Amino acid sequence: MFHPQDIVLITGCGAGIGKALAQAFHQRGVKVCATARRQATIDDLQAMGMLTLPLDVCEPSQVDAVLATLRAQQWRVRMLINNAGYGAMGPLVDVPLQAWRDQFEVNLFALVALTRAVAPQMMARRQGTIVNISSISGVAPTPFAAPYCASKAAVNALSDSLRMELRPFGVNVVTVQPGGIQSAFGDAAGSRVNLAADSPYQPVKAGIMTRAQEGQRQAMPADTFARLAVDALLAPTCPSVLRIGEKSRLLPWLKRSLPDGVLDHILSRRFGLDRLSRPQAIVPGRRDTGA
């Protein structure tokens, strides 16, 4: 049960899942602090009566400022929802090392930093919930999305460890692994596709773009996802892993049930890799392997 001073702190509320979650909690009468990198993207949430604050999760000073504002207004973070993230796409050999670092900085390390900042107060009160928005891509990886899949697999593993560490202090950890959810994620991922002009994967560029947009195919509306997620998160007992959305149960089941070779074949055909029947010439020195 939430107390009058309790608040839900959500990152990445500018669009998609984050905005829908903020609205769903607000509709349930829960006080929400909605954050996003650009304040303008959450002005509509402020107009609804939510507390909104700018927050780039990769900037420690902004994290400190948000938490200081909440303390000054005597709000207690009862639930932290680590939602901010994005997907870097492309063949591994075409994704610059810096793009890998940026992917993990946002999807993993920023999540760790914010959790480290909030968890001690929850532990002291012996009450609270950490919710990490991961993805089924961290359970059932696909080609052309290695940075994103790897970062979400790391979130899954981190959440499992954290759940055991915080349980003695009365703090719950929930990992949400959405399937396909309608959002701007596909457009954003499409703009972050890494594919060199002379890449051996150029013949299957259409398949790479298909992977970038895959989450939007027959996707669940974000408000439907948010309603189901909030119902579960506010229930007296909540599963440690929530899978909601298109293929959120099917793909992990296939990963668990099928031999690797069979699933590899299915995914390779889905994204056009089967067309690369002959080795493609890689031009020596065509790229700097360090960037």
Protein backbone atom coordinates (compact mmCIF):
# COMPACT_ATOMS: atom_id res chain seq x y z
CA MET A 1 0.00 0.00 0.00
CA PHE A 2 1.31 3.43 -0.97
CA HIS A 3 1.51 6.11 1.71
CA PRO A 4 0.80 9.81 1.04
CA GLN A 5 4.54 10.61 0.80
CA ASP A 6 5.32 7.72 -1.57
CA ILE A 7 6.11 8.39 -5.21
CA VAL A 8 6.94 6.37 -8.31
CA LEU A 9 10.05 7.64 -10.11
CA ILE A 10 10.09 6.74 -13.83
CA THR A 11 12.84 7.44 -16.33
CA GLY A 12 12.42 7.85 -20.08
CA CYS A 13 8.87 9.23 -20.01
CA GLY A 14 9.18 11.30 -23.17
CA ALA A 15 7.37 8.70 -25.28
CA GLY A 16 6.33 5.07 -25.57
CA ILE A 17 6.41 2.77 -22.58
CA GLY A 18 7.65 5.38 -20.11
CA LYS A 19 4.93 7.90 -20.91
CA ALA A 20 2.24 5.19 -20.90
CA LEU A 21 3.41 3.88 -17.51
CA ALA A 22 3.36 7.39 -16.02
CA GLN A 23 -0.20 7.89 -17.23
CA ALA A 24 -1.34 4.48 -15.99
CA PHE A 25 0.06 5.02 -12.48
CA HIS A 26 -1.43 8.51 -12.38
CA GLN A 27 -4.85 7.14 -13.37
CA ARG A 28 -4.61 4.72 -10.45
CA GLY A 29 -4.12 7.62 -8.05
CA VAL A 30 -0.41 7.03 -7.48
CA LYS A 31 1.89 10.04 -7.27
CA VAL A 32 4.32 10.01 -10.18
CA CYS A 33 7.61 11.76 -10.86
CA ALA A 34 8.01 11.49 -14.63
CA THR A 35 11.44 12.30 -16.06
CA ALA A 36 12.92 12.65 -19.53
CA ARG A 37 15.98 14.19 -21.16
CA ARG A 38 13.87 16.95 -22.73
CA GLN A 39 11.35 18.67 -20.48
CA ALA A 40 9.17 19.59 -23.47
CA THR A 41 8.39 15.91 -24.08
CA ILE A 42 6.76 15.58 -20.65
CA ASP A 43 4.95 18.91 -20.44
CA ASP A 44 1.72 17.04 -21.20
CA LEU A 45 2.26 14.86 -18.14
CA GLN A 46 2.85 17.96 -16.02
CA ALA A 47 -0.46 19.34 -17.29
CA MET A 48 -2.14 16.18 -16.00
CA GLY A 49 -0.87 16.93 -12.51
CA MET A 50 2.31 14.86 -12.37
CA LEU A 51 5.61 16.05 -11.03
CA THR A 52 7.97 16.27 -14.03
CA LEU A 53 11.71 16.82 -13.98
CA PRO A 54 14.42 16.81 -16.67
CA LEU A 55 16.78 13.88 -16.32
CA ASP A 56 19.53 12.59 -18.54
CA VAL A 57 20.22 9.29 -16.79
CA CYS A 58 23.85 9.39 -17.91
CA GLU A 59 24.50 12.68 -16.09
CA PRO A 60 25.23 12.12 -12.36
CA SER A 61 24.57 15.79 -11.54
CA GLN A 62 21.05 15.51 -12.97
CA VAL A 63 20.39 12.33 -10.99
CA ASP A 64 21.49 14.14 -7.83
CA ALA A 65 19.27 17.13 -8.69
CA VAL A 66 16.15 14.97 -9.16
CA LEU A 67 16.67 13.15 -5.87
CA ALA A 68 17.40 16.43 -4.07
CA THR A 69 14.14 17.88 -5.41
CA LEU A 70 12.18 14.88 -4.17
CA ARG A 71 13.80 15.08 -0.72
CA ALA A 72 13.11 18.82 -0.52
CA GLN A 73 9.43 18.17 -1.25
CA GLN A 74 9.44 15.27 1.23
CA TRP A 75 8.66 12.60 -1.34
CA ARG A 76 9.93 9.07 -0.78
CA VAL A 77 10.74 6.90 -3.79
CA ARG A 78 8.58 3.85 -3.17
CA MET A 79 9.11 2.47 -6.67
CA LEU A 80 11.88 3.18 -9.17
CA ILE A 81 11.18 2.25 -12.79
CA ASN A 82 14.37 2.16 -14.85
CA ASN A 83 12.87 2.56 -18.30
CA ALA A 84 15.20 4.90 -20.22
CA GLY A 85 16.99 3.12 -23.04
CA TYR A 86 17.38 2.67 -26.78
CA GLY A 87 18.49 0.08 -29.33
CA ALA A 88 21.69 0.23 -31.40
CA MET A 89 21.32 -1.97 -34.48
CA GLY A 90 23.54 -3.44 -37.17
CA PRO A 91 25.97 -6.31 -37.78
CA LEU A 92 28.51 -6.61 -34.99
CA VAL A 93 31.43 -5.97 -37.33
CA ASP A 94 29.83 -2.69 -38.46
CA VAL A 95 28.95 -1.31 -35.02
CA PRO A 96 31.72 1.03 -33.81
CA LEU A 97 33.14 0.31 -30.39
CA GLN A 98 31.94 3.71 -29.17
CA ALA A 99 28.38 2.78 -30.15
CA TRP A 100 28.72 -0.32 -27.96
CA ARG A 101 29.93 1.83 -25.07
CA ASP A 102 27.07 4.29 -25.55
CA GLN A 103 24.54 1.44 -25.64
CA PHE A 104 25.75 -0.01 -22.35
CA GLU A 105 26.12 3.45 -20.79
CA VAL A 106 22.41 4.16 -21.22
CA ASN A 107 20.85 0.72 -20.95
CA LEU A 108 23.00 -0.70 -18.15
CA PHE A 109 25.37 1.65 -16.34
CA ALA A 110 22.86 4.49 -15.95
CA LEU A 111 20.39 1.97 -14.53
CA VAL A 112 23.03 0.81 -12.05
CA ALA A 113 23.85 4.37 -11.01
CA LEU A 114 20.24 5.37 -10.38
CA THR A 115 19.52 2.13 -8.53
CA ARG A 116 22.59 2.67 -6.33
CA ALA A 117 21.33 6.18 -5.55
CA VAL A 118 17.79 5.10 -4.60
CA ALA A 119 18.16 1.62 -3.08
CA PRO A 120 19.87 2.58 0.23
CA GLN A 121 16.84 4.62 1.33
CA MET A 122 14.52 1.74 0.43
CA MET A 123 16.73 -0.66 2.37
CA ALA A 124 16.70 1.61 5.41
CA ARG A 125 12.88 1.75 5.31
CA ARG A 126 12.70 -1.96 4.44
CA GLN A 127 10.19 -1.14 1.75
CA GLY A 128 10.30 -0.45 -1.96
CA THR A 129 10.44 -1.88 -5.46
CA ILE A 130 13.02 -1.60 -8.22
CA VAL A 131 11.54 -2.23 -11.67
CA ASN A 132 13.97 -2.75 -14.54
CA ILE A 133 12.49 -2.53 -18.03
CA SER A 134 14.42 -5.09 -20.03
CA SER A 135 13.31 -6.94 -23.19
CA ILE A 136 12.73 -10.44 -24.49
CA SER A 137 15.68 -9.61 -26.76
CA GLY A 138 17.83 -10.21 -23.70
CA VAL A 139 16.42 -13.73 -23.46
CA ALA A 140 16.11 -14.62 -27.14
CA PRO A 141 18.75 -12.61 -29.05
CA THR A 142 18.45 -11.95 -32.77
CA PRO A 143 20.94 -11.07 -35.48
CA PHE A 144 21.67 -7.42 -36.25
CA ALA A 145 20.90 -6.29 -32.69
CA ALA A 146 23.87 -7.58 -30.70
CA PRO A 147 24.51 -4.37 -28.69
CA TYR A 148 20.86 -4.05 -27.67
CA CYS A 149 20.41 -7.77 -26.95
CA ALA A 150 23.63 -7.93 -24.93
CA SER A 151 22.73 -4.85 -22.88
CA LYS A 152 19.30 -6.28 -22.05
CA ALA A 153 20.76 -9.69 -21.21
CA ALA A 154 23.01 -7.84 -18.77
CA VAL A 155 19.97 -6.10 -17.28
CA ASN A 156 18.30 -9.48 -16.80
CA ALA A 157 21.35 -10.93 -15.04
CA LEU A 158 21.83 -7.79 -12.93
CA SER A 159 18.18 -7.92 -11.87
CA ASP A 160 18.47 -11.56 -10.79
CA SER A 161 21.47 -10.77 -8.59
CA LEU A 162 19.90 -7.60 -7.20
CA ARG A 163 16.65 -9.39 -6.38
CA MET A 164 18.50 -11.80 -4.07
CA GLU A 165 20.62 -9.05 -2.52
CA LEU A 166 17.70 -6.75 -1.67
CA ARG A 167 15.13 -9.32 -0.56
CA PRO A 168 16.46 -9.51 3.05
CA PHE A 169 15.80 -5.76 3.33
CA GLY A 170 12.17 -5.99 2.16
CA VAL A 171 12.92 -4.47 -1.24
CA ASN A 172 11.48 -6.19 -4.32
CA VAL A 173 13.07 -6.34 -7.76
CA VAL A 174 10.92 -6.91 -10.84
CA THR A 175 12.26 -7.44 -14.34
CA VAL A 176 9.82 -6.46 -17.09
CA GLN A 177 10.60 -8.14 -20.41
CA PRO A 178 8.25 -6.60 -23.00
CA GLY A 179 7.61 -8.11 -26.38
CA GLY A 180 6.46 -5.91 -29.23
CA ILE A 181 4.99 -2.66 -27.89
CA GLN A 182 3.82 0.24 -30.06
CA SER A 183 6.22 3.13 -29.56
CA ALA A 184 8.79 5.26 -31.32
CA PHE A 185 11.41 2.60 -30.52
CA GLY A 186 11.40 1.21 -34.06
CA ASP A 187 11.90 4.63 -35.63
CA ALA A 188 14.68 5.42 -33.19
CA ALA A 189 16.34 2.05 -33.77
CA GLY A 190 16.08 2.54 -37.52
CA SER A 191 17.97 5.80 -37.22
CA ARG A 192 20.72 4.02 -35.25
CA VAL A 193 21.48 1.26 -37.73
CA ASN A 194 25.22 0.81 -38.23
CA LEU A 195 26.01 -0.49 -41.72
CA ALA A 196 29.22 0.45 -43.53
CA ALA A 197 28.99 1.37 -47.20
CA ASP A 198 31.27 -1.54 -48.08
CA SER A 199 29.85 -3.93 -45.51
CA PRO A 200 29.53 -7.59 -46.53
CA TYR A 201 25.99 -7.30 -45.14
CA GLN A 202 24.89 -4.66 -47.67
CA PRO A 203 23.05 -7.32 -49.74
CA VAL A 204 20.73 -7.93 -46.78
CA LYS A 205 20.24 -4.30 -45.75
CA ALA A 206 16.46 -4.80 -45.97
CA GLY A 207 16.70 -7.57 -43.39
CA ILE A 208 18.69 -5.33 -41.07
CA MET A 209 16.06 -2.61 -41.32
CA THR A 210 13.38 -5.25 -40.74
CA ARG A 211 15.10 -6.18 -37.49
CA ALA A 212 15.23 -2.55 -36.42
CA GLN A 213 11.44 -2.30 -36.92
CA GLU A 214 10.59 -5.83 -35.73
CA GLY A 215 9.22 -4.75 -32.36
CA GLN A 216 6.51 -2.69 -34.06
CA ARG A 217 5.08 -5.55 -36.11
CA GLN A 218 1.64 -6.48 -34.70
CA ALA A 219 2.71 -4.69 -31.53
CA MET A 220 0.58 -4.22 -28.43
CA PRO A 221 -0.59 -0.63 -27.81
CA ALA A 222 1.57 1.05 -25.17
CA ASP A 223 -1.42 1.98 -23.01
CA THR A 224 -2.58 -1.65 -22.94
CA PHE A 225 0.90 -2.77 -21.92
CA ALA A 226 1.06 -0.08 -19.22
CA ARG A 227 -2.32 -1.00 -17.77
CA LEU A 228 -1.34 -4.67 -17.49
CA ALA A 229 2.07 -3.84 -16.05
CA VAL A 230 0.71 -1.41 -13.45
CA ASP A 231 -1.98 -3.89 -12.41
CA ALA A 232 0.75 -6.44 -11.73
CA LEU A 233 3.15 -4.00 -10.05
CA LEU A 234 0.47 -2.70 -7.66
CA ALA A 235 -0.87 -6.14 -6.79
CA PRO A 236 -0.13 -7.53 -3.29
CA THR A 237 2.23 -10.03 -4.90
CA CYS A 238 4.00 -9.52 -8.21
CA PRO A 239 6.03 -12.02 -10.24
CA SER A 240 9.75 -11.37 -10.32
CA VAL A 241 9.62 -11.43 -14.14
CA LEU A 242 6.79 -9.88 -16.15
CA ARG A 243 6.44 -10.70 -19.85
CA ILE A 244 3.83 -8.62 -21.64
CA GLY A 245 3.38 -7.85 -25.31
CA GLU A 246 3.64 -9.47 -28.74
CA LYS A 247 5.78 -12.65 -28.65
CA SER A 248 6.86 -11.94 -25.08
CA ARG A 249 6.19 -15.56 -24.17
CA LEU A 250 6.64 -17.23 -27.55
CA LEU A 251 10.23 -16.21 -28.25
CA PRO A 252 11.61 -17.22 -24.81
CA TRP A 253 9.76 -20.54 -25.20
CA LEU A 254 11.32 -21.10 -28.62
CA LYS A 255 14.77 -20.24 -27.24
CA ARG A 256 14.27 -22.70 -24.41
CA SER A 257 12.70 -25.46 -26.50
CA LEU A 258 14.42 -25.52 -29.89
CA PRO A 259 17.95 -26.66 -30.67
CA ASP A 260 20.21 -23.68 -31.36
CA GLY A 261 20.67 -24.68 -34.98
CA VAL A 262 16.94 -24.76 -35.63
CA LEU A 263 16.28 -21.36 -34.06
CA ASP A 264 19.33 -19.90 -35.79
CA HIS A 265 17.92 -21.09 -39.12
CA ILE A 266 14.50 -19.56 -38.41
CA LEU A 267 15.93 -16.18 -37.43
CA SER A 268 18.47 -16.19 -40.25
CA ARG A 269 15.70 -16.64 -42.79
CA ARG A 270 13.53 -14.03 -41.08
CA PHE A 271 16.20 -11.35 -41.44
CA GLY A 272 17.68 -12.39 -44.79
CA LEU A 273 20.94 -13.96 -43.66
CA ASP A 274 20.20 -17.07 -45.71
CA ARG A 275 20.81 -14.95 -48.83
CA LEU A 276 24.49 -14.67 -47.99
CA SER A 277 25.25 -18.09 -49.45
CA ARG A 278 28.75 -17.14 -50.56
CA PRO A 279 31.44 -15.50 -48.40
CA GLN A 280 31.56 -11.78 -49.03
CA ALA A 281 34.88 -10.14 -49.67
CA ILE A 282 35.99 -7.95 -46.82
CA VAL A 283 38.25 -5.18 -48.01
CA PRO A 284 41.37 -5.07 -45.79
CA GLY A 285 41.57 -1.88 -43.81
CA ARG A 286 38.04 -0.79 -44.75
CA ARG A 287 37.36 0.28 -41.17
CA ASP A 288 39.17 1.19 -38.00
CA THR A 289 38.46 -1.71 -35.61
CA GLY A 290 38.70 0.61 -32.62
CA ALA A 291 35.88 2.92 -33.59
